[in-house]
Amino acid sequence: MAEYKIEKQEAPEWGMIEVLGETYDPGKPVGEEQGHWEQKLLSRDEKLRYLKDGLRYWYAKEGFGSEKRKTPA
């Protein structure tokens, strides 16, 4: 496991505490293109369908399997 930086800081009502510092690896991110969904969908209809499906998941009255609630939120 990598060695992490541990910084000592003063916390109110706790005194000196140890805080975990930076935990990221230096360098550039790999696979940055994976999150660009707009570029993958070519037509306007495909983009609208993608967005409507996502909104249906969060705001629809019906549920599927384990997602279905017994009482509405």
C-alpha atoms as a PDB file:
ATOM      1  CA  MET A   1       0.000   0.000   0.000  1.00  0.00           C
ATOM      2  CA  ALA A   2       1.192   3.530  -0.716  1.00  0.00           C
ATOM      3  CA  GLU A   3       2.504   5.757   2.003  1.00  0.00           C
ATOM      4  CA  TYR A   4       0.116   8.660   2.552  1.00  0.00           C
ATOM      5  CA  LYS A   5       0.940  12.103   3.908  1.00  0.00           C
ATOM      6  CA  ILE A   6      -0.405  12.676   7.385  1.00  0.00           C
ATOM      7  CA  GLU A   7      -0.691  16.277   8.494  1.00  0.00           C
ATOM      8  CA  LYS A   8      -1.201  17.484  12.045  1.00  0.00           C
ATOM      9  CA  GLN A   9      -3.829  20.186  12.453  1.00  0.00           C
ATOM     10  CA  GLU A  10      -5.579  21.885  15.325  1.00  0.00           C
ATOM     11  CA  ALA A  11      -9.282  21.096  15.655  1.00  0.00           C
ATOM     12  CA  PRO A  12     -11.649  22.974  17.965  1.00  0.00           C
ATOM     13  CA  GLU A  13     -12.455  20.977  21.100  1.00  0.00           C
ATOM     14  CA  TRP A  14     -10.133  18.138  19.943  1.00  0.00           C
ATOM     15  CA  GLY A  15      -6.676  19.692  20.095  1.00  0.00           C
ATOM     16  CA  MET A  16      -4.068  18.419  17.641  1.00  0.00           C
ATOM     17  CA  ILE A  17      -5.342  15.727  15.272  1.00  0.00           C
ATOM     18  CA  GLU A  18      -3.855  13.810  12.365  1.00  0.00           C
ATOM     19  CA  VAL A  19      -5.451  14.464   8.975  1.00  0.00           C
ATOM     20  CA  LEU A  20      -4.885  12.356   5.877  1.00  0.00           C
ATOM     21  CA  GLY A  21      -3.247  14.442   3.126  1.00  0.00           C
ATOM     22  CA  GLU A  22      -3.275  13.968  -0.630  1.00  0.00           C
ATOM     23  CA  THR A  23      -4.096  10.421  -1.700  1.00  0.00           C
ATOM     24  CA  TYR A  24      -4.133  10.763  -5.478  1.00  0.00           C
ATOM     25  CA  ASP A  25      -1.417   9.528  -7.807  1.00  0.00           C
ATOM     26  CA  PRO A  26       0.372  12.169  -9.852  1.00  0.00           C
ATOM     27  CA  GLY A  27      -0.197  12.161 -13.599  1.00  0.00           C
ATOM     28  CA  LYS A  28      -2.946  12.682 -16.119  1.00  0.00           C
ATOM     29  CA  PRO A  29      -6.306  10.848 -15.996  1.00  0.00           C
ATOM     30  CA  VAL A  30      -6.758   7.881 -18.322  1.00  0.00           C
ATOM     31  CA  GLY A  31     -10.043   7.170 -20.089  1.00  0.00           C
ATOM     32  CA  GLU A  32     -11.335  10.715 -19.856  1.00  0.00           C
ATOM     33  CA  GLU A  33     -13.458  10.274 -23.012  1.00  0.00           C
ATOM     34  CA  GLN A  34     -15.706   7.672 -21.363  1.00  0.00           C
ATOM     35  CA  GLY A  35     -17.952  10.244 -19.715  1.00  0.00           C
ATOM     36  CA  HIS A  36     -18.729  12.258 -22.847  1.00  0.00           C
ATOM     37  CA  TRP A  37     -22.169  10.853 -23.667  1.00  0.00           C
ATOM     38  CA  GLU A  38     -23.187  13.786 -25.868  1.00  0.00           C
ATOM     39  CA  GLN A  39     -20.466  12.976 -28.398  1.00  0.00           C
ATOM     40  CA  LYS A  40     -21.434   9.301 -28.569  1.00  0.00           C
ATOM     41  CA  LEU A  41     -25.061  10.039 -29.444  1.00  0.00           C
ATOM     42  CA  LEU A  42     -25.319  11.469 -32.932  1.00  0.00           C
ATOM     43  CA  SER A  43     -28.865  12.694 -33.480  1.00  0.00           C
ATOM     44  CA  ARG A  44     -31.024  14.991 -31.389  1.00  0.00           C
ATOM     45  CA  ASP A  45     -33.609  12.209 -30.953  1.00  0.00           C
ATOM     46  CA  GLU A  46     -31.006   9.851 -29.481  1.00  0.00           C
ATOM     47  CA  LYS A  47     -29.911  12.516 -26.983  1.00  0.00           C
ATOM     48  CA  LEU A  48     -33.499  13.264 -25.921  1.00  0.00           C
ATOM     49  CA  ARG A  49     -34.273   9.567 -25.491  1.00  0.00           C
ATOM     50  CA  TYR A  50     -31.145   9.129 -23.344  1.00  0.00           C
ATOM     51  CA  LEU A  51     -32.171  12.024 -21.090  1.00  0.00           C
ATOM     52  CA  LYS A  52     -35.816  10.908 -20.839  1.00  0.00           C
ATOM     53  CA  ASP A  53     -34.752   7.392 -19.826  1.00  0.00           C
ATOM     54  CA  GLY A  54     -32.535   8.818 -17.107  1.00  0.00           C
ATOM     55  CA  LEU A  55     -35.297  11.063 -15.792  1.00  0.00           C
ATOM     56  CA  ARG A  56     -37.774   8.189 -15.862  1.00  0.00           C
ATOM     57  CA  TYR A  57     -35.483   6.207 -13.584  1.00  0.00           C
ATOM     58  CA  TRP A  58     -35.539   8.951 -10.938  1.00  0.00           C
ATOM     59  CA  TYR A  59     -39.063  10.366 -11.242  1.00  0.00           C
ATOM     60  CA  ALA A  60     -41.325   7.584 -12.541  1.00  0.00           C
ATOM     61  CA  LYS A  61     -44.200   6.284 -10.438  1.00  0.00           C
ATOM     62  CA  GLU A  62     -43.545   2.653 -11.352  1.00  0.00           C
ATOM     63  CA  GLY A  63     -40.535   0.778 -10.075  1.00  0.00           C
ATOM     64  CA  PHE A  64     -38.702  -2.343 -11.108  1.00  0.00           C
ATOM     65  CA  GLY A  65     -37.717  -5.193  -8.808  1.00  0.00           C
ATOM     66  CA  SER A  66     -35.872  -4.065  -5.713  1.00  0.00           C
ATOM     67  CA  GLU A  67     -36.300  -0.400  -6.684  1.00  0.00           C
ATOM     68  CA  LYS A  68     -40.067  -0.461  -6.044  1.00  0.00           C
ATOM     69  CA  ARG A  69     -41.149   1.177  -2.791  1.00  0.00           C
ATOM     70  CA  LYS A  70     -44.142   0.050  -0.756  1.00  0.00           C
ATOM     71  CA  THR A  71     -45.004   3.635   0.114  1.00  0.00           C
ATOM     72  CA  PRO A  72     -44.253   6.612  -2.146  1.00  0.00           C
ATOM     73  CA  ALA A  73     -41.592   9.031  -0.956  1.00  0.00           C
END
